Amino acid sequence: MTLKDGMHAVPSGHIAAVVTYLQMTTPVIIDTKPFPAGTDARREMLDVDSYRRLFRAVGEPWLWTARLLLDDAALSAILQSEHTETWVIRQDSDPIGLVELDFSPDRASELAYFGMVKAATGRGLGGPMMALAQKQAFARDIDRFFVHTCNWDDPRALAFYQKAGFTPYKSAVEVFADPRIDGPHNAATAPHVPSLP
């Protein structure tokens, strides 16, 4: 369905996000970028509880929700799949960032989740994390690496992805139940996203 021009009402208890899809067909960042001292990236097979803690720590300010709605079996199946690579960024062994690649699309990889805890922003992690993501994605035989972001994400996200070499190719409006109402987030989460009664 294509939306007609004009305003469209969002149902009560829901929020709407404008989503931008971006892609690249060859890596733009060729060289590995070093992580700051005391910080490194490790490919890890996290258990579901550890994964959820990291997912929430990184994504809660931006209303990341999807993985919090999965039961243990469904989440474990994703984390243990040969199509999933989970890279954990650690500062002195504490998990502070997440780079997750999904290789389930045919000859493509999705940058499924990418981010760091708010306290780690501004420490020079974004460049090394993106270099890692591109290197690992194109280490497999893929034709396309893609990601999406929305207007409720970190306001720097879209420009960051474009600077890293991703090109926008599609946009969409996503309407979904507000996860702060009977969902996995509390009412104080993501105050920059208006909550509609």
Protein backbone atom coordinates (compact mmCIF):
# COMPACT_ATOMS: atom_id res chain seq x y z
CA MET A 1 0.00 0.00 0.00
CA THR A 2 1.24 3.47 -0.87
CA LEU A 3 0.24 6.36 1.36
CA LYS A 4 -1.50 9.23 -0.35
CA ASP A 5 -0.20 12.75 0.13
CA GLY A 6 -1.41 14.43 3.29
CA MET A 7 -1.72 13.76 6.98
CA HIS A 8 -2.55 10.29 8.31
CA ALA A 9 -3.86 9.64 11.80
CA VAL A 10 -1.85 7.39 14.09
CA PRO A 11 -4.07 5.10 16.18
CA SER A 12 -4.29 5.62 19.92
CA GLY A 13 -1.53 3.86 21.80
CA HIS A 14 0.70 3.72 18.73
CA ILE A 15 3.66 5.69 17.43
CA ALA A 16 4.89 6.29 13.89
CA ALA A 17 8.46 6.38 12.67
CA VAL A 18 9.91 7.48 9.35
CA VAL A 19 12.38 4.78 8.32
CA THR A 20 15.26 5.28 5.90
CA TYR A 21 16.83 2.24 4.24
CA LEU A 22 20.46 2.45 3.12
CA GLN A 23 22.83 0.10 1.32
CA MET A 24 26.27 -0.34 -0.22
CA THR A 25 27.55 -2.88 -2.73
CA THR A 26 31.26 -2.69 -1.90
CA PRO A 27 33.00 -1.76 1.33
CA VAL A 28 33.94 1.88 1.62
CA ILE A 29 36.06 1.57 4.75
CA ILE A 30 38.86 -0.75 3.68
CA ASP A 31 41.34 -0.50 6.53
CA THR A 32 40.76 -1.73 10.06
CA LYS A 33 40.49 1.14 12.52
CA PRO A 34 41.96 0.64 15.99
CA PHE A 35 39.69 0.83 19.00
CA PRO A 36 40.62 3.23 21.81
CA ALA A 37 42.93 1.91 24.52
CA GLY A 38 41.21 -0.51 26.86
CA THR A 39 38.46 -1.23 24.33
CA ASP A 40 38.13 -4.16 21.95
CA ALA A 41 35.61 -6.08 19.87
CA ARG A 42 34.98 -9.79 20.27
CA ARG A 43 32.69 -12.10 18.38
CA GLU A 44 30.65 -13.74 21.10
CA MET A 45 27.82 -16.22 21.47
CA LEU A 46 25.93 -14.50 24.27
CA ASP A 47 23.30 -16.31 26.30
CA VAL A 48 19.84 -14.79 26.03
CA ASP A 49 19.99 -12.94 29.37
CA SER A 50 23.38 -11.34 28.62
CA TYR A 51 22.21 -10.42 25.13
CA ARG A 52 19.01 -8.82 26.40
CA ARG A 53 20.95 -6.78 28.97
CA LEU A 54 23.29 -5.44 26.30
CA PHE A 55 20.48 -4.90 23.79
CA ARG A 56 18.53 -2.92 26.37
CA ALA A 57 21.56 -0.93 27.55
CA VAL A 58 22.39 0.13 23.99
CA GLY A 59 18.94 0.44 22.49
CA GLU A 60 16.54 1.52 25.22
CA PRO A 61 17.10 5.28 24.67
CA TRP A 62 15.99 4.72 21.05
CA LEU A 63 13.10 2.34 21.82
CA TRP A 64 14.78 -0.76 20.42
CA THR A 65 12.14 -3.35 21.13
CA ALA A 66 11.99 -6.30 18.72
CA ARG A 67 14.42 -8.61 20.51
CA LEU A 68 12.82 -7.89 23.89
CA LEU A 69 9.54 -9.36 22.63
CA LEU A 70 11.03 -12.73 21.67
CA ASP A 71 10.84 -15.68 24.03
CA ASP A 72 14.05 -17.43 25.06
CA ALA A 73 13.83 -20.16 22.41
CA ALA A 74 13.25 -17.76 19.52
CA LEU A 75 16.02 -15.40 20.61
CA SER A 76 18.45 -18.25 21.24
CA ALA A 77 17.76 -19.62 17.75
CA ILE A 78 18.72 -16.26 16.22
CA LEU A 79 21.85 -15.87 18.33
CA GLN A 80 23.04 -19.41 17.58
CA SER A 81 22.20 -19.28 13.88
CA GLU A 82 25.01 -19.57 11.34
CA HIS A 83 23.46 -16.47 9.76
CA THR A 84 24.11 -14.27 12.82
CA GLU A 85 27.37 -12.67 13.88
CA THR A 86 27.26 -10.86 17.21
CA TRP A 87 30.23 -8.64 18.04
CA VAL A 88 30.43 -7.19 21.53
CA ILE A 89 32.45 -4.04 22.18
CA ARG A 90 34.00 -4.17 25.63
CA GLN A 91 35.68 -1.53 27.76
CA ASP A 92 37.83 -3.21 30.40
CA SER A 93 35.66 -6.34 29.97
CA ASP A 94 32.36 -4.44 30.41
CA PRO A 95 30.02 -4.68 27.39
CA ILE A 96 29.40 -1.20 25.98
CA GLY A 97 28.54 -1.73 22.31
CA LEU A 98 26.93 -4.09 19.84
CA VAL A 99 27.52 -4.86 16.16
CA GLU A 100 25.16 -7.53 14.88
CA LEU A 101 25.17 -8.84 11.33
CA ASP A 102 22.40 -10.91 9.75
CA PHE A 103 23.41 -13.02 6.75
CA SER A 104 20.04 -14.69 6.21
CA PRO A 105 19.08 -12.63 3.12
CA ASP A 106 20.31 -14.20 -0.12
CA ARG A 107 23.80 -12.86 -1.01
CA ALA A 108 23.31 -9.92 1.35
CA SER A 109 23.96 -8.89 4.91
CA GLU A 110 21.92 -6.63 7.14
CA LEU A 111 23.53 -4.50 9.81
CA ALA A 112 20.78 -5.61 12.16
CA TYR A 113 21.92 -3.72 15.27
CA PHE A 114 24.68 -1.19 15.73
CA GLY A 115 25.21 1.05 18.72
CA MET A 116 26.83 1.76 22.03
CA VAL A 117 25.66 2.76 25.47
CA LYS A 118 25.13 6.50 25.80
CA ALA A 119 28.04 6.89 28.24
CA ALA A 120 30.40 5.55 25.54
CA THR A 121 29.46 8.06 22.85
CA GLY A 122 32.11 10.57 21.86
CA ARG A 123 34.98 8.18 22.65
CA GLY A 124 35.92 7.36 19.07
CA LEU A 125 34.13 4.01 18.89
CA GLY A 126 31.87 4.63 15.89
CA GLY A 127 34.58 4.51 13.23
CA PRO A 128 36.23 1.30 14.45
CA MET A 129 32.83 -0.34 14.91
CA MET A 130 31.78 0.54 11.37
CA ALA A 131 35.12 -0.61 9.94
CA LEU A 132 34.57 -3.92 11.74
CA ALA A 133 31.01 -4.19 10.41
CA GLN A 134 32.04 -3.61 6.79
CA LYS A 135 35.03 -5.94 7.02
CA GLN A 136 32.98 -8.78 8.50
CA ALA A 137 30.02 -8.28 6.17
CA PHE A 138 32.09 -8.35 2.99
CA ALA A 139 34.27 -11.21 4.26
CA ARG A 140 31.39 -13.38 3.11
CA ASP A 141 30.27 -13.64 -0.51
CA ILE A 142 27.63 -10.92 -0.55
CA ASP A 143 26.51 -8.39 -3.14
CA ARG A 144 24.85 -5.95 -0.76
CA PHE A 145 25.20 -4.66 2.78
CA PHE A 146 22.19 -2.77 4.12
CA VAL A 147 20.85 -1.06 7.22
CA HIS A 148 17.86 1.01 8.24
CA THR A 149 17.41 3.81 10.72
CA CYS A 150 14.49 5.96 11.76
CA ASN A 151 13.76 9.44 13.01
CA TRP A 152 13.54 8.19 16.60
CA ASP A 153 17.12 6.84 16.54
CA ASP A 154 20.13 8.91 17.56
CA PRO A 155 19.83 12.07 15.42
CA ARG A 156 23.40 11.54 14.20
CA ALA A 157 22.70 8.03 12.89
CA LEU A 158 21.59 8.84 9.34
CA ALA A 159 24.53 11.16 8.66
CA PHE A 160 26.91 8.63 10.21
CA TYR A 161 25.72 5.83 7.92
CA GLN A 162 25.96 8.05 4.86
CA LYS A 163 29.47 9.18 5.80
CA ALA A 164 30.39 5.50 6.17
CA GLY A 165 29.36 4.91 2.56
CA PHE A 166 25.74 3.77 2.76
CA THR A 167 23.34 5.29 0.22
CA PRO A 168 19.62 5.76 0.93
CA TYR A 169 17.40 3.76 -1.42
CA LYS A 170 13.95 3.61 0.20
CA SER A 171 11.86 5.17 2.93
CA ALA A 172 8.78 3.97 4.78
CA VAL A 173 6.48 4.91 7.61
CA GLU A 174 6.23 2.31 10.36
CA VAL A 175 3.29 2.41 12.76
CA PHE A 176 3.50 0.17 15.82
CA ALA A 177 2.12 -0.22 19.32
CA ASP A 178 3.96 2.05 21.76
CA PRO A 179 6.25 -0.35 23.67
CA ARG A 180 5.99 1.88 26.75
CA ILE A 181 2.33 0.96 27.13
CA ASP A 182 2.06 -2.61 28.41
CA GLY A 183 5.38 -3.35 26.73
CA PRO A 184 9.03 -3.94 27.59
CA HIS A 185 9.87 -0.26 28.20
CA ASN A 186 8.65 1.99 30.99
CA ALA A 187 6.84 5.28 30.46
CA ALA A 188 9.98 7.38 31.02
CA THR A 189 11.91 5.70 28.19
CA ALA A 190 12.79 7.76 25.09
CA PRO A 191 11.15 11.04 26.14
CA HIS A 192 11.95 12.48 22.69
CA VAL A 193 9.28 10.16 21.24
CA PRO A 194 5.81 11.51 22.04
CA SER A 195 3.45 9.03 23.64
CA LEU A 196 -0.12 9.21 22.38
CA PRO A 197 -2.87 8.14 24.84
